[in-house]
Amino acid sequence: MKISLLRSFLLIGAFLCFGWAQAQEVSGTVSDANGPLPGASVVEKGTTNGTQTDFDGNFTINVGENATLVISYVGFSTTEIEVNGQTSINVTLSEDAQALDEVVIVGYGSSTKKEITSAVAVVDEEAFNKGTVNDASQLLQGKVAGLSIYNKGGNPNEDAVIRLRGISTVGANSEPLVVIDGVVGASLNNVDPNDIASVNVLKDGSAAAIYGTRGSSGVILVTTKRGIPGKTSVDYSGSLAVSTIANHVDVMSADEFAAAGGVDLGQRNDWLDLVTMDGTTKINNVAISGGDGNTSYRISGNFRNAQGILRNSGFKQYNTRASVTTYTLDDKLKIDFNMSYTKRKSRYGFNEALRYALLYNPTAPVYGVDSPYQFDSATFGGYFETLGLFDSFNPVSIINQNTNNGNKSEFTYSANFNYKILDNWDLNALISQQTSKLSNREYYRTTSLWRGNATSPNRKGLARLYNEDKEFKLFELYSTYKTSVGAADLTFTGGYSWQENTQYDYFLSMGDFPDDDIQYINALEWSQDLENAGFIDVNSNASPEDRIIAFFGRASATFDNAIFFNASIRREGSTKFGENNRWATFPAVGLGADLNHYLELNNVDLLKVRVGYGVTGALPSRNGLSKSLYEPADGRLSSNQLTDANPDLKWEEKAETNFGIEFASGRLGATLDIYTRNVSDFILERDVDVTIYPTGRRWENAGELKSQGFELAVNYDIIKSEDLNYNSGIVLSRNKTTLEKYTIPQEMRGSLGAPGQNDTDMIRIKEGEEIGQIWGPVFTGEVVDGSQVLEDINNDGQLLTAQNNALDPDGDFKVLGKGTPDFELGWTNQLSYKNWDLNAFFRGAFGHSLINTYRAFYEPRVGSQGSYNFVNTELANPEITNAKFSSLYVEKADFFKLDNLSIGYTFDIKENKYVKGVRVTASGQNLFTITNYTGSDPEPALQDRGSEADNGGFTTTDAFDPLIPGIDRRSNYFSARTFTLGLNINF
């Protein structure tokens, strides 16, 4: 027994001695010329064993006896140092000139920044917009030349409109494709802004063609944060923000209204103040990361409680994300697993309350008991209403009596397997699935005049429900092989992609409830519409199995480390198209050269020229358009054919040529891109010959669009010293889009709406002309008998300014403005002094106009509208008493704003085993705007959903028309100014 015990001790001792002989602890400091570098990566070469430097640049790592340390930091050259028994290693990293060897993620692979031959922009965490960011797209707003991101009005429940290089399609999806950690078609709403490490934007066709139809509107590649092997790190970040109305449309006060002859009901109310509030947003984020040996992980949880400035609007959202990376099979197989779950509860509120708050009689009481005359307030839930008026509702009643809430959840997982067959040959397989569920519930009480039909003797109250289920599946398999032939480095990639989308949704609307004792949206069986089913509105939809299958390949070559070549091709098929045209081919080619490699100019690090050409496609927004479409008819026992089938329906196609110049010299870096693109074969419903196609309608490919533009990005380190650093960068872009061919040579769109102007269209669409022309008569400045005197534009002595004269060659109409900007500007300023840092970001857009619909409706002093408030801007003319659309209501909307100002302080934390770092920040968003526009928000309106519903009606479509920019609708949310305090702690 004693011998066995001794033998065990000897074995354990030998094992420990062997372990100590094979491993050792190495400590040191990583610095640059200005001092320590916190957060630098220190990894044992050939393994995932690694750590990061602390706030003083110090690190400690256990490595093998013959190990090599790989030390890296963004913006600096990577250094490798052999340990050779050393226990202390201090490293000074040298700056990497414009990070030319930085690895940039592109479609199905990566490349160094120097070797890229297409227009690709990279935005890392340091350059993201600061402050309260609830939508990942807001991180990029104004940061990428050519990328337009506008959430007009700033509604927290609405996604921003994203355009890359203007309009890329008319009949298909106009938003860029989003790829998150390699998962094609993911949702930006599925990733919390705090979890994003960097974003790459593939701007031109040569970069996006590898994604085929999905990349026609550009590609946004999102890389999330990953764990680093070593000690476990816990990071907390929290912020508290307060938002107030930044601006709104000026209207008369109650006293001004009464003095102007308005109906005085005796009260003095600021309705806008009654339906808005100071919105607060609270954000808490915790992330745990680390790893050991061959495995690293990161788990994060985020909670957001965002209140909008409109009462009963905002959301609560919980998001969790987990990522695990591990190596196995002698480190030949790398497995990346990602999972995320997002749940959001939204209160959408009613934007209409903002509209009625501006136009409702400011002398009217809030509650019926304060009515100047006998009023049955119980019928209206205790609220006062101005009965008998068209489109006039108490905005406080709208907000307080009705509900509009929604729930959304998304779950996504992906597993990526990368197997190293040889040192220069990889095989990659990706599998992913995303499911999302959305429900929306609206309830209008029986005592609500607005949509609740409170005055009806027999049908009061309304409930509306919408449910949607979506599922997305993806499988991709591709391989990459690298080799060298003489002075040429070659890389070949080839693969297969399969994806499938399915969707099911239903809508139900019913009313006529007995009272408001309970929320009948949860007890629909009480609806008396069940006794008269003709009032019930029901529909449901199920998509067919929407599949895309593709085969793709790419070859890239670097010659003499100065000449770069890239070519790709994708062969893709989709079930959305006609049987005769389901497959298409999308090629791309790019060529670049570092001229300075041969010119050897003094003080120049890079002078690269590149040119690329690529073809991408676009999918229709709906399924089944190539087939005959039907609707119920004759008591719903038969059907009515709406369109004829088109077995030849095919892809929209975009061909784009891009020329770029990149320059780097010490502290200065600049990039210029000039591009031209042609889009053809829009997928549109159009009139056809009834003698051939009985319905006279079918979906066809028709039309051409041409875009031209340039993008400039300049970055300069103005001051760079040990304590003080100042960097400034500007991005500037211009885009012009012309409609070359269309289904109709010329037409008018964009109805102004009710009351009284439903037949007034304001946007001209014409072949050969630029998109977004605001078209109408010109006000001379003179008023006669309450009406505007309009200009005789063609000087023929005959004034033709009726709406039916709009497209008449003899009509007196002209271009009054343009809905899209000529130039967009972003200006970043980053200043740091010791532990302090300051970031000021300015943004502007120039050359666009907006139709101020509030002014067009409510500025004329129409006598019959004495019970409605009047818009009272500096442009108001009290002599005008007849409402008619003209140049008077089209305003230049150029703006320049301080979009984001943040200041931060990082505390010096002495040796502490609990807290590694503490940082506090204060920021403001939308702090001031320089503009002459009299509306609430001068940002461009890049698309239009149509005129607002009037008198309590519902908008009939959620589709947005990209051919109708420039209309500032009355349904828009009001922009907010936000102040945020933030805290970051690293444990």
Foldseek 3Di string as FASTA:
>chain_A
DVVVVVVVVVVVVVVVVVVPQFKDKAKEFEAAPQAGDFFKWKAWPPWLFTDTAFPRRMDMGMHTQFTWIWIDDPQWDIDIGTCNPPRYDYYYTYGDFVQQQDWDDAQPGIGGNVQDFADKDKDFPVQFFDDDDFFLVNRCDQPDFQWHWDPFQPAQPDGTDIAGQFAQFFFFDQHAWEAEPNRTRDDSNQDGNVFWGMKMWGRFFQRQLLVFARGSRTYIYTYTDWFGADDKWKKKKKKKKKWDFPFFFFFDFLVRLVVLPFDAFAAGAQLLVLFFDTKMKIKIKMKIWYHHIFKIKIKMKMWMWTDGRGPQWTKIKIKIKMWMWGADPSRQKIKIKIKMKMKMKTFHFFLVLNLLSRWFNRNQDQFPVSGPDDDDRVLQVRGDFPPPDWFHFRSNSSRPQKTKMKMKMKIKMKMKMWGPPDPFKIKIKMKMKMKMKMKIKIKGFQNHVFQQVSVDPFWGIKIKMKIKIKMKIKIKIKMKGWDDDVQKTKIKMKIKIKMWMKMKMKMKMATRADHPPDRCNVVVVRTPCVVVVVRIDMDMDIADTKMKIKIKMKMWMDGNVFKIKIKMKMWMAIQQAAPVARIDMKIKIKIKGFVCVPVVDPQWDTKMKMKMKIKHWHGRHGGDQQAWDWDADDVSPHIDTQWHHHNHAYTWMKIKMKIKIWTTGVFKTKMKIWMKMKIFFHFDKDADDCVVIVNRIGTTGGWMKMKTKMKMKMKGFPDDHSFKTKIKMKIKMFMWMATATDRDQKDFAFFLDDDPGRLAGFAIHHHPGTFFFGKFWAFPPDADQQATDTDQQVPPPDAAGDRVCRPPPNHRMDGLFGQAFGMKMKMWMWMGGHQKIKIWIKIWTFRGKAQQSLQLPFLAQAVVSSSIIHRDDPLRDPSHHDRDDHSSRIGGLTKMFRAKIKMKGKDDDDDDPPWSTKMKMKMKGRPDMDTPDSRQGSDKFQWDLHAQDISSDHRPDPDTRRSHIRYDYSSRHGHIMMIMIMMMIMD
